[in-house]
Amino acid sequence: MAVDDTYTLPPAKTMDDINKVTAFIRARALPLRNATPYGSDEAPAFQALLDLTAAMEGSAGGLVDRGEDPVMLHFYLVVAARQWREHADFLPEWGHV
């Protein structure tokens, strides 16, 4: 009996995949950033998360435009999103990436 031990790669991530996770992170981090007092230690941390999310989204767009898979950027974004894994809008597939 022949054994097929070839590995099939999962489908490439799309900008839709990236946009879903970035929108999820923004929807959580933006209100927190907006609610923190000016000059607090928390405001820059939330802004940094928002800035990194935007940078990763832009980088993913560049990869997709060149025909490359933004799978690693998607993974990094999902790692951040997992901090809210108990939230009702957290997508189950993000728990298995």
N, C-alpha and C. Protein backbone atom coordinates (compact mmCIF):
# COMPACT_ATOMS: atom_id res chain seq x y z
N MET A 1 0.83 -1.17 0.00
CA MET A 1 0.00 0.00 0.00
C MET A 1 0.89 1.25 0.00
N ALA A 2 0.64 2.12 -0.93
CA ALA A 2 1.42 3.35 -1.07
C ALA A 2 0.94 4.39 -0.06
N VAL A 3 1.89 5.10 0.48
CA VAL A 3 1.58 6.16 1.44
C VAL A 3 1.85 7.49 0.76
N ASP A 4 0.86 8.35 0.76
CA ASP A 4 1.02 9.69 0.19
C ASP A 4 1.43 10.62 1.31
N ASP A 5 2.70 10.93 1.38
CA ASP A 5 3.19 11.79 2.45
C ASP A 5 3.47 13.21 1.99
N THR A 6 2.86 13.60 0.88
CA THR A 6 3.02 14.98 0.42
C THR A 6 2.18 15.90 1.29
N TYR A 7 2.67 17.07 1.46
CA TYR A 7 1.98 18.08 2.28
C TYR A 7 1.38 19.13 1.36
N THR A 8 0.13 19.39 1.56
CA THR A 8 -0.54 20.43 0.78
C THR A 8 -0.62 21.70 1.63
N LEU A 9 -0.08 22.76 1.11
CA LEU A 9 -0.11 24.04 1.82
C LEU A 9 -1.55 24.53 1.93
N PRO A 10 -1.87 25.19 3.04
CA PRO A 10 -3.21 25.79 3.14
C PRO A 10 -3.33 26.93 2.14
N PRO A 11 -4.56 27.34 1.85
CA PRO A 11 -4.74 28.46 0.91
C PRO A 11 -4.03 29.72 1.42
N ALA A 12 -3.56 30.52 0.48
CA ALA A 12 -2.89 31.78 0.84
C ALA A 12 -3.87 32.70 1.55
N LYS A 13 -3.34 33.51 2.44
CA LYS A 13 -4.15 34.53 3.12
C LYS A 13 -4.44 35.65 2.13
N THR A 14 -5.59 36.25 2.27
CA THR A 14 -6.01 37.33 1.39
C THR A 14 -6.06 38.63 2.18
N MET A 15 -6.26 39.72 1.46
CA MET A 15 -6.44 41.01 2.16
C MET A 15 -7.71 40.99 2.98
N ASP A 16 -8.70 40.22 2.57
CA ASP A 16 -9.90 40.09 3.38
C ASP A 16 -9.57 39.47 4.74
N ASP A 17 -8.71 38.45 4.75
CA ASP A 17 -8.27 37.83 6.01
C ASP A 17 -7.55 38.86 6.89
N ILE A 18 -6.66 39.62 6.27
CA ILE A 18 -5.90 40.63 7.00
C ILE A 18 -6.83 41.72 7.53
N ASN A 19 -7.72 42.20 6.67
CA ASN A 19 -8.63 43.29 7.06
C ASN A 19 -9.55 42.88 8.20
N LYS A 20 -9.98 41.63 8.24
CA LYS A 20 -10.85 41.17 9.33
C LYS A 20 -10.14 41.27 10.67
N VAL A 21 -8.91 40.80 10.71
CA VAL A 21 -8.21 40.81 11.99
C VAL A 21 -7.77 42.22 12.38
N THR A 22 -7.38 43.06 11.41
CA THR A 22 -7.00 44.43 11.77
C THR A 22 -8.22 45.23 12.24
N ALA A 23 -9.35 45.02 11.62
CA ALA A 23 -10.57 45.70 12.07
C ALA A 23 -10.95 45.26 13.48
N PHE A 24 -10.77 43.98 13.76
CA PHE A 24 -11.06 43.47 15.10
C PHE A 24 -10.16 44.13 16.14
N ILE A 25 -8.86 44.21 15.84
CA ILE A 25 -7.92 44.83 16.79
C ILE A 25 -8.25 46.31 16.96
N ARG A 26 -8.47 47.02 15.85
CA ARG A 26 -8.79 48.45 15.93
C ARG A 26 -10.05 48.70 16.76
N ALA A 27 -11.06 47.86 16.58
CA ALA A 27 -12.32 48.05 17.31
C ALA A 27 -12.12 47.89 18.81
N ARG A 28 -11.10 47.15 19.22
CA ARG A 28 -10.82 47.00 20.65
C ARG A 28 -9.87 48.08 21.14
N ALA A 29 -8.80 48.36 20.39
CA ALA A 29 -7.74 49.24 20.88
C ALA A 29 -8.07 50.72 20.76
N LEU A 30 -8.79 51.13 19.72
CA LEU A 30 -9.09 52.55 19.53
C LEU A 30 -9.92 53.14 20.68
N PRO A 31 -11.01 52.50 21.10
CA PRO A 31 -11.75 53.06 22.24
C PRO A 31 -10.91 53.11 23.52
N LEU A 32 -10.05 52.13 23.70
CA LEU A 32 -9.19 52.13 24.89
C LEU A 32 -8.20 53.29 24.83
N ARG A 33 -7.61 53.50 23.64
CA ARG A 33 -6.69 54.62 23.47
C ARG A 33 -7.41 55.95 23.69
N ASN A 34 -8.60 56.07 23.13
CA ASN A 34 -9.36 57.31 23.24
C ASN A 34 -9.80 57.60 24.67
N ALA A 35 -9.97 56.56 25.47
CA ALA A 35 -10.44 56.74 26.85
C ALA A 35 -9.31 57.00 27.84
N THR A 36 -8.07 56.82 27.41
CA THR A 36 -6.97 57.03 28.35
C THR A 36 -6.63 58.51 28.44
N PRO A 37 -6.27 58.97 29.63
CA PRO A 37 -5.91 60.39 29.79
C PRO A 37 -4.65 60.74 29.01
N TYR A 38 -4.63 61.93 28.47
CA TYR A 38 -3.46 62.41 27.75
C TYR A 38 -2.27 62.39 28.71
N GLY A 39 -1.16 61.90 28.22
CA GLY A 39 0.04 61.86 29.04
C GLY A 39 0.18 60.59 29.87
N SER A 40 -0.80 59.72 29.82
CA SER A 40 -0.72 58.48 30.59
C SER A 40 0.23 57.50 29.90
N ASP A 41 0.67 56.49 30.63
CA ASP A 41 1.52 55.46 30.04
C ASP A 41 0.74 54.56 29.08
N GLU A 42 -0.57 54.46 29.29
CA GLU A 42 -1.37 53.55 28.47
C GLU A 42 -1.61 54.10 27.06
N ALA A 43 -1.81 55.40 26.93
CA ALA A 43 -2.12 55.98 25.62
C ALA A 43 -1.06 55.64 24.57
N PRO A 44 0.24 55.81 24.84
CA PRO A 44 1.23 55.45 23.83
C PRO A 44 1.25 53.95 23.52
N ALA A 45 0.95 53.12 24.50
CA ALA A 45 0.93 51.67 24.24
C ALA A 45 -0.20 51.31 23.28
N PHE A 46 -1.38 51.87 23.52
CA PHE A 46 -2.49 51.61 22.60
C PHE A 46 -2.22 52.20 21.22
N GLN A 47 -1.60 53.37 21.17
CA GLN A 47 -1.27 53.98 19.88
C GLN A 47 -0.25 53.13 19.15
N ALA A 48 0.71 52.58 19.87
CA ALA A 48 1.71 51.72 19.24
C ALA A 48 1.05 50.49 18.62
N LEU A 49 0.10 49.89 19.33
CA LEU A 49 -0.61 48.74 18.78
C LEU A 49 -1.37 49.13 17.52
N LEU A 50 -2.02 50.27 17.54
CA LEU A 50 -2.75 50.74 16.36
C LEU A 50 -1.80 51.03 15.20
N ASP A 51 -0.65 51.64 15.50
CA ASP A 51 0.33 51.95 14.45
C ASP A 51 0.91 50.67 13.85
N LEU A 52 1.26 49.71 14.69
CA LEU A 52 1.81 48.45 14.18
C LEU A 52 0.78 47.69 13.36
N THR A 53 -0.47 47.73 13.78
CA THR A 53 -1.53 47.08 13.04
C THR A 53 -1.65 47.70 11.65
N ALA A 54 -1.62 49.02 11.58
CA ALA A 54 -1.70 49.71 10.29
C ALA A 54 -0.49 49.39 9.42
N ALA A 55 0.69 49.34 10.01
CA ALA A 55 1.90 49.03 9.24
C ALA A 55 1.85 47.61 8.69
N MET A 56 1.39 46.67 9.50
CA MET A 56 1.29 45.28 9.03
C MET A 56 0.24 45.14 7.93
N GLU A 57 -0.86 45.89 8.07
CA GLU A 57 -1.90 45.85 7.04
C GLU A 57 -1.35 46.40 5.72
N GLY A 58 -0.60 47.49 5.78
CA GLY A 58 0.00 48.06 4.58
C GLY A 58 1.04 47.13 3.97
N SER A 59 1.85 46.51 4.80
CA SER A 59 2.85 45.56 4.31
C SER A 59 2.18 44.35 3.66
N ALA A 60 1.09 43.88 4.25
CA ALA A 60 0.36 42.75 3.67
C ALA A 60 -0.18 43.13 2.29
N GLY A 61 -0.68 44.35 2.16
CA GLY A 61 -1.17 44.81 0.86
C GLY A 61 -0.08 44.78 -0.19
N GLY A 62 1.12 45.17 0.19
CA GLY A 62 2.24 45.13 -0.74
C GLY A 62 2.58 43.70 -1.15
N LEU A 63 2.56 42.79 -0.20
CA LEU A 63 2.82 41.38 -0.51
C LEU A 63 1.77 40.82 -1.47
N VAL A 64 0.52 41.10 -1.16
CA VAL A 64 -0.57 40.60 -2.00
C VAL A 64 -0.44 41.18 -3.41
N ASP A 65 -0.12 42.46 -3.53
CA ASP A 65 0.04 43.09 -4.84
C ASP A 65 1.15 42.42 -5.66
N ARG A 66 2.18 41.89 -4.98
CA ARG A 66 3.27 41.20 -5.66
C ARG A 66 2.98 39.71 -5.85
N GLY A 67 1.80 39.27 -5.41
CA GLY A 67 1.44 37.86 -5.56
C GLY A 67 2.00 36.97 -4.48
N GLU A 68 2.44 37.56 -3.37
CA GLU A 68 2.99 36.78 -2.27
C GLU A 68 1.95 36.59 -1.17
N ASP A 69 2.12 35.55 -0.38
CA ASP A 69 1.20 35.21 0.71
C ASP A 69 1.59 35.98 1.97
N PRO A 70 0.68 36.78 2.52
CA PRO A 70 0.98 37.52 3.76
C PRO A 70 0.73 36.69 5.02
N VAL A 71 1.00 35.40 4.94
CA VAL A 71 0.66 34.49 6.03
C VAL A 71 1.35 34.86 7.35
N MET A 72 2.61 35.28 7.30
CA MET A 72 3.31 35.62 8.55
C MET A 72 2.74 36.89 9.18
N LEU A 73 2.41 37.88 8.37
CA LEU A 73 1.80 39.09 8.92
C LEU A 73 0.43 38.76 9.51
N HIS A 74 -0.32 37.90 8.86
CA HIS A 74 -1.60 37.46 9.39
C HIS A 74 -1.39 36.77 10.74
N PHE A 75 -0.39 35.91 10.82
CA PHE A 75 -0.09 35.22 12.07
C PHE A 75 0.23 36.21 13.19
N TYR A 76 1.06 37.19 12.92
CA TYR A 76 1.43 38.18 13.94
C TYR A 76 0.20 38.96 14.42
N LEU A 77 -0.66 39.33 13.49
CA LEU A 77 -1.89 40.05 13.86
C LEU A 77 -2.81 39.18 14.71
N VAL A 78 -2.90 37.92 14.34
CA VAL A 78 -3.76 36.99 15.11
C VAL A 78 -3.21 36.81 16.52
N VAL A 79 -1.90 36.77 16.66
CA VAL A 79 -1.31 36.66 18.00
C VAL A 79 -1.76 37.83 18.87
N ALA A 80 -1.78 39.03 18.31
CA ALA A 80 -2.26 40.20 19.06
C ALA A 80 -3.75 40.08 19.35
N ALA A 81 -4.52 39.65 18.35
CA ALA A 81 -5.97 39.53 18.51
C ALA A 81 -6.35 38.50 19.57
N ARG A 82 -5.51 37.50 19.77
CA ARG A 82 -5.82 36.45 20.75
C ARG A 82 -5.95 36.98 22.17
N GLN A 83 -5.46 38.16 22.41
CA GLN A 83 -5.62 38.74 23.75
C GLN A 83 -7.10 38.98 24.07
N TRP A 84 -7.92 39.00 23.03
CA TRP A 84 -9.37 39.18 23.19
C TRP A 84 -10.11 37.93 22.77
N ARG A 85 -9.52 36.75 22.95
CA ARG A 85 -10.11 35.50 22.45
C ARG A 85 -11.47 35.20 23.06
N GLU A 86 -11.81 35.79 24.18
CA GLU A 86 -13.11 35.55 24.81
C GLU A 86 -14.19 36.47 24.26
N HIS A 87 -13.80 37.42 23.41
CA HIS A 87 -14.76 38.37 22.85
C HIS A 87 -15.66 37.66 21.84
N ALA A 88 -16.91 38.06 21.79
CA ALA A 88 -17.89 37.42 20.90
C ALA A 88 -17.52 37.56 19.42
N ASP A 89 -16.79 38.60 19.05
CA ASP A 89 -16.42 38.80 17.65
C ASP A 89 -15.12 38.11 17.25
N PHE A 90 -14.47 37.44 18.20
CA PHE A 90 -13.23 36.72 17.90
C PHE A 90 -13.57 35.52 17.02
N LEU A 91 -12.94 35.42 15.86
CA LEU A 91 -13.25 34.34 14.93
C LEU A 91 -12.55 33.05 15.35
N PRO A 92 -13.26 31.93 15.34
CA PRO A 92 -12.68 30.66 15.79
C PRO A 92 -11.39 30.28 15.05
N GLU A 93 -11.30 30.61 13.75
CA GLU A 93 -10.10 30.22 13.01
C GLU A 93 -8.84 30.94 13.50
N TRP A 94 -9.01 32.04 14.19
CA TRP A 94 -7.85 32.74 14.72
C TRP A 94 -7.22 31.98 15.88
N GLY A 95 -7.96 31.11 16.49
CA GLY A 95 -7.42 30.32 17.61
C GLY A 95 -6.57 29.16 17.15
N HIS A 96 -6.59 28.87 15.84
CA HIS A 96 -5.88 27.71 15.32
C HIS A 96 -4.78 28.07 14.33
N VAL A 97 -4.41 29.32 14.27
CA VAL A 97 -3.39 29.76 13.31
C VAL A 97 -2.03 29.56 13.91
